[in-house]
Amino acid sequence: MNAHKAATLQWVMLLVLTAVTVGLSELGMSGRAVIFPVLAATLVKGRIVIDRFMALQGIAGPWRWLVLGWLVVVLGSITYAFR
């Protein structure tokens, strides 16, 4: 798969995941029933943005892990707050 097609596919995935989370909110779902699917979608979206659009996928060293770690800490804090 060429780079242009891969970027387009990942962009479409971002749109679909955003639509799913918005759809869950429009259905009136809230609380524990929806927090884990939304956070999972956020983790996937964050990983796509970090790897593809911030161009950290091929970077060696601490930068990629620092940014991914920050994402996990934020999502973990949100999960802890809603437990």
N, C-alpha and C. Protein backbone atom coordinates (compact mmCIF):
# COMPACT_ATOMS: atom_id res chain seq x y z
N MET A 1 0.86 -1.17 0.00
CA MET A 1 0.00 0.00 0.00
C MET A 1 0.90 1.24 0.00
N ASN A 2 0.63 2.15 -0.90
CA ASN A 2 1.47 3.34 -0.95
C ASN A 2 1.13 4.30 0.19
N ALA A 3 2.00 5.26 0.40
CA ALA A 3 1.86 6.16 1.55
C ALA A 3 0.59 7.00 1.47
N HIS A 4 0.23 7.43 0.27
CA HIS A 4 -0.97 8.25 0.12
C HIS A 4 -2.23 7.46 0.48
N LYS A 5 -2.29 6.23 0.02
CA LYS A 5 -3.45 5.39 0.30
C LYS A 5 -3.53 5.05 1.79
N ALA A 6 -2.38 4.80 2.41
CA ALA A 6 -2.35 4.49 3.85
C ALA A 6 -2.81 5.69 4.67
N ALA A 7 -2.36 6.88 4.30
CA ALA A 7 -2.77 8.09 5.02
C ALA A 7 -4.27 8.33 4.86
N THR A 8 -4.79 8.08 3.68
CA THR A 8 -6.22 8.25 3.45
C THR A 8 -7.02 7.25 4.28
N LEU A 9 -6.58 6.01 4.32
CA LEU A 9 -7.26 5.00 5.12
C LEU A 9 -7.25 5.37 6.60
N GLN A 10 -6.13 5.84 7.09
CA GLN A 10 -6.05 6.22 8.50
C GLN A 10 -6.92 7.45 8.79
N TRP A 11 -6.99 8.37 7.86
CA TRP A 11 -7.85 9.53 8.03
C TRP A 11 -9.32 9.10 8.08
N VAL A 12 -9.70 8.16 7.22
CA VAL A 12 -11.07 7.64 7.24
C VAL A 12 -11.35 6.93 8.57
N MET A 13 -10.37 6.20 9.08
CA MET A 13 -10.54 5.55 10.38
C MET A 13 -10.77 6.58 11.48
N LEU A 14 -10.06 7.69 11.42
CA LEU A 14 -10.29 8.76 12.40
C LEU A 14 -11.71 9.30 12.30
N LEU A 15 -12.19 9.48 11.09
CA LEU A 15 -13.56 9.96 10.90
C LEU A 15 -14.58 8.97 11.43
N VAL A 16 -14.38 7.69 11.14
CA VAL A 16 -15.33 6.66 11.59
C VAL A 16 -15.34 6.57 13.11
N LEU A 17 -14.16 6.56 13.73
CA LEU A 17 -14.11 6.48 15.19
C LEU A 17 -14.74 7.71 15.84
N THR A 18 -14.55 8.86 15.24
CA THR A 18 -15.19 10.08 15.74
C THR A 18 -16.71 9.97 15.61
N ALA A 19 -17.17 9.47 14.48
CA ALA A 19 -18.61 9.31 14.27
C ALA A 19 -19.21 8.32 15.27
N VAL A 20 -18.48 7.27 15.58
CA VAL A 20 -18.97 6.28 16.56
C VAL A 20 -19.11 6.93 17.93
N THR A 21 -18.11 7.68 18.36
CA THR A 21 -18.19 8.30 19.68
C THR A 21 -19.29 9.36 19.74
N VAL A 22 -19.45 10.12 18.67
CA VAL A 22 -20.53 11.10 18.63
C VAL A 22 -21.88 10.39 18.62
N GLY A 23 -21.97 9.29 17.89
CA GLY A 23 -23.20 8.51 17.86
C GLY A 23 -23.58 7.98 19.23
N LEU A 24 -22.59 7.52 19.99
CA LEU A 24 -22.87 7.05 21.35
C LEU A 24 -23.42 8.18 22.22
N SER A 25 -22.86 9.36 22.05
CA SER A 25 -23.35 10.49 22.86
C SER A 25 -24.75 10.91 22.42
N GLU A 26 -25.03 10.83 21.14
CA GLU A 26 -26.36 11.20 20.65
C GLU A 26 -27.44 10.21 21.07
N LEU A 27 -27.03 8.97 21.34
CA LEU A 27 -27.98 7.97 21.82
C LEU A 27 -28.31 8.17 23.29
N GLY A 28 -27.63 9.11 23.92
CA GLY A 28 -27.88 9.39 25.32
C GLY A 28 -27.14 8.46 26.26
N MET A 29 -26.21 7.70 25.74
CA MET A 29 -25.44 6.79 26.58
C MET A 29 -24.44 7.59 27.40
N SER A 30 -24.27 7.20 28.65
CA SER A 30 -23.31 7.88 29.50
C SER A 30 -22.85 6.94 30.59
N GLY A 31 -21.87 7.38 31.34
CA GLY A 31 -21.38 6.60 32.47
C GLY A 31 -20.50 5.45 32.07
N ARG A 32 -20.51 4.43 32.91
CA ARG A 32 -19.61 3.30 32.73
C ARG A 32 -19.89 2.50 31.46
N ALA A 33 -21.12 2.51 31.01
CA ALA A 33 -21.47 1.73 29.82
C ALA A 33 -20.77 2.24 28.57
N VAL A 34 -20.42 3.49 28.56
CA VAL A 34 -19.86 4.08 27.35
C VAL A 34 -18.41 4.52 27.52
N ILE A 35 -17.91 4.60 28.74
CA ILE A 35 -16.58 5.16 28.94
C ILE A 35 -15.49 4.29 28.31
N PHE A 36 -15.59 2.98 28.42
CA PHE A 36 -14.54 2.14 27.87
C PHE A 36 -14.51 2.11 26.34
N PRO A 37 -15.66 2.03 25.66
CA PRO A 37 -15.60 2.13 24.19
C PRO A 37 -15.07 3.49 23.71
N VAL A 38 -15.46 4.55 24.39
CA VAL A 38 -14.98 5.88 23.99
C VAL A 38 -13.48 6.01 24.24
N LEU A 39 -13.01 5.53 25.38
CA LEU A 39 -11.57 5.61 25.66
C LEU A 39 -10.77 4.71 24.73
N ALA A 40 -11.32 3.56 24.37
CA ALA A 40 -10.63 2.68 23.42
C ALA A 40 -10.52 3.36 22.06
N ALA A 41 -11.60 4.00 21.63
CA ALA A 41 -11.56 4.73 20.36
C ALA A 41 -10.57 5.88 20.44
N THR A 42 -10.51 6.54 21.58
CA THR A 42 -9.56 7.64 21.77
C THR A 42 -8.13 7.14 21.73
N LEU A 43 -7.89 5.98 22.31
CA LEU A 43 -6.54 5.40 22.27
C LEU A 43 -6.13 5.08 20.83
N VAL A 44 -7.02 4.48 20.07
CA VAL A 44 -6.72 4.15 18.67
C VAL A 44 -6.49 5.44 17.87
N LYS A 45 -7.37 6.42 18.07
CA LYS A 45 -7.21 7.68 17.35
C LYS A 45 -5.91 8.38 17.73
N GLY A 46 -5.59 8.37 19.01
CA GLY A 46 -4.34 8.99 19.46
C GLY A 46 -3.13 8.30 18.87
N ARG A 47 -3.19 6.99 18.81
CA ARG A 47 -2.07 6.23 18.24
C ARG A 47 -1.89 6.55 16.75
N ILE A 48 -2.99 6.68 16.03
CA ILE A 48 -2.91 7.03 14.61
C ILE A 48 -2.29 8.42 14.45
N VAL A 49 -2.76 9.36 15.24
CA VAL A 49 -2.24 10.73 15.14
C VAL A 49 -0.76 10.78 15.51
N ILE A 50 -0.39 10.10 16.58
CA ILE A 50 1.00 10.10 17.01
C ILE A 50 1.90 9.44 15.98
N ASP A 51 1.51 8.27 15.51
CA ASP A 51 2.36 7.53 14.59
C ASP A 51 2.39 8.13 13.19
N ARG A 52 1.23 8.45 12.67
CA ARG A 52 1.16 8.86 11.27
C ARG A 52 1.32 10.36 11.08
N PHE A 53 0.49 11.13 11.75
CA PHE A 53 0.43 12.55 11.45
C PHE A 53 1.47 13.37 12.21
N MET A 54 1.97 12.84 13.33
CA MET A 54 3.10 13.47 14.00
C MET A 54 4.41 12.86 13.52
N ALA A 55 4.31 11.84 12.67
CA ALA A 55 5.46 11.17 12.04
C ALA A 55 6.43 10.59 13.06
N LEU A 56 5.90 9.99 14.12
CA LEU A 56 6.76 9.39 15.14
C LEU A 56 6.85 7.87 15.01
N GLN A 57 6.26 7.30 13.98
CA GLN A 57 6.23 5.85 13.85
C GLN A 57 7.63 5.25 13.69
N GLY A 58 8.46 5.85 12.91
CA GLY A 58 9.78 5.30 12.67
C GLY A 58 10.87 5.90 13.54
N ILE A 59 10.50 6.69 14.51
CA ILE A 59 11.48 7.38 15.34
C ILE A 59 11.98 6.46 16.44
N ALA A 60 13.28 6.34 16.53
CA ALA A 60 13.88 5.57 17.62
C ALA A 60 14.12 6.50 18.80
N GLY A 61 14.21 5.91 19.95
CA GLY A 61 14.49 6.73 21.12
C GLY A 61 13.25 7.04 21.92
N PRO A 62 13.38 7.95 22.85
CA PRO A 62 12.30 8.15 23.83
C PRO A 62 11.12 8.99 23.35
N TRP A 63 11.23 9.70 22.24
CA TRP A 63 10.17 10.64 21.87
C TRP A 63 8.84 9.97 21.61
N ARG A 64 8.85 8.92 20.85
CA ARG A 64 7.60 8.22 20.55
C ARG A 64 7.00 7.65 21.83
N TRP A 65 7.82 7.03 22.65
CA TRP A 65 7.32 6.41 23.88
C TRP A 65 6.87 7.45 24.89
N LEU A 66 7.51 8.60 24.87
CA LEU A 66 7.09 9.68 25.76
C LEU A 66 5.68 10.16 25.41
N VAL A 67 5.43 10.36 24.13
CA VAL A 67 4.11 10.83 23.70
C VAL A 67 3.05 9.75 23.90
N LEU A 68 3.38 8.50 23.56
CA LEU A 68 2.43 7.41 23.79
C LEU A 68 2.17 7.21 25.28
N GLY A 69 3.20 7.35 26.09
CA GLY A 69 3.04 7.24 27.54
C GLY A 69 2.14 8.32 28.09
N TRP A 70 2.29 9.53 27.56
CA TRP A 70 1.42 10.63 27.98
C TRP A 70 -0.04 10.31 27.67
N LEU A 71 -0.28 9.75 26.49
CA LEU A 71 -1.64 9.39 26.10
C LEU A 71 -2.21 8.34 27.05
N VAL A 72 -1.42 7.34 27.38
CA VAL A 72 -1.88 6.29 28.29
C VAL A 72 -2.14 6.85 29.68
N VAL A 73 -1.29 7.75 30.15
CA VAL A 73 -1.50 8.36 31.48
C VAL A 73 -2.80 9.17 31.51
N VAL A 74 -3.04 9.95 30.48
CA VAL A 74 -4.26 10.75 30.43
C VAL A 74 -5.50 9.85 30.39
N LEU A 75 -5.48 8.84 29.53
CA LEU A 75 -6.63 7.94 29.45
C LEU A 75 -6.79 7.13 30.73
N GLY A 76 -5.69 6.74 31.34
CA GLY A 76 -5.76 6.03 32.61
C GLY A 76 -6.34 6.90 33.71
N SER A 77 -5.98 8.17 33.72
CA SER A 77 -6.53 9.11 34.71
C SER A 77 -8.03 9.29 34.53
N ILE A 78 -8.46 9.37 33.30
CA ILE A 78 -9.90 9.50 33.02
C ILE A 78 -10.62 8.23 33.46
N THR A 79 -10.04 7.08 33.15
CA THR A 79 -10.64 5.81 33.57
C THR A 79 -10.75 5.74 35.09
N TYR A 80 -9.70 6.15 35.77
CA TYR A 80 -9.70 6.14 37.24
C TYR A 80 -10.77 7.08 37.79
N ALA A 81 -10.94 8.23 37.16
CA ALA A 81 -11.93 9.20 37.63
C ALA A 81 -13.36 8.68 37.47
N PHE A 82 -13.59 7.83 36.48
CA PHE A 82 -14.94 7.32 36.23
C PHE A 82 -15.19 5.92 36.78
N ARG A 83 -14.30 5.43 37.61
CA ARG A 83 -14.47 4.06 38.13
C ARG A 83 -15.59 3.97 39.12
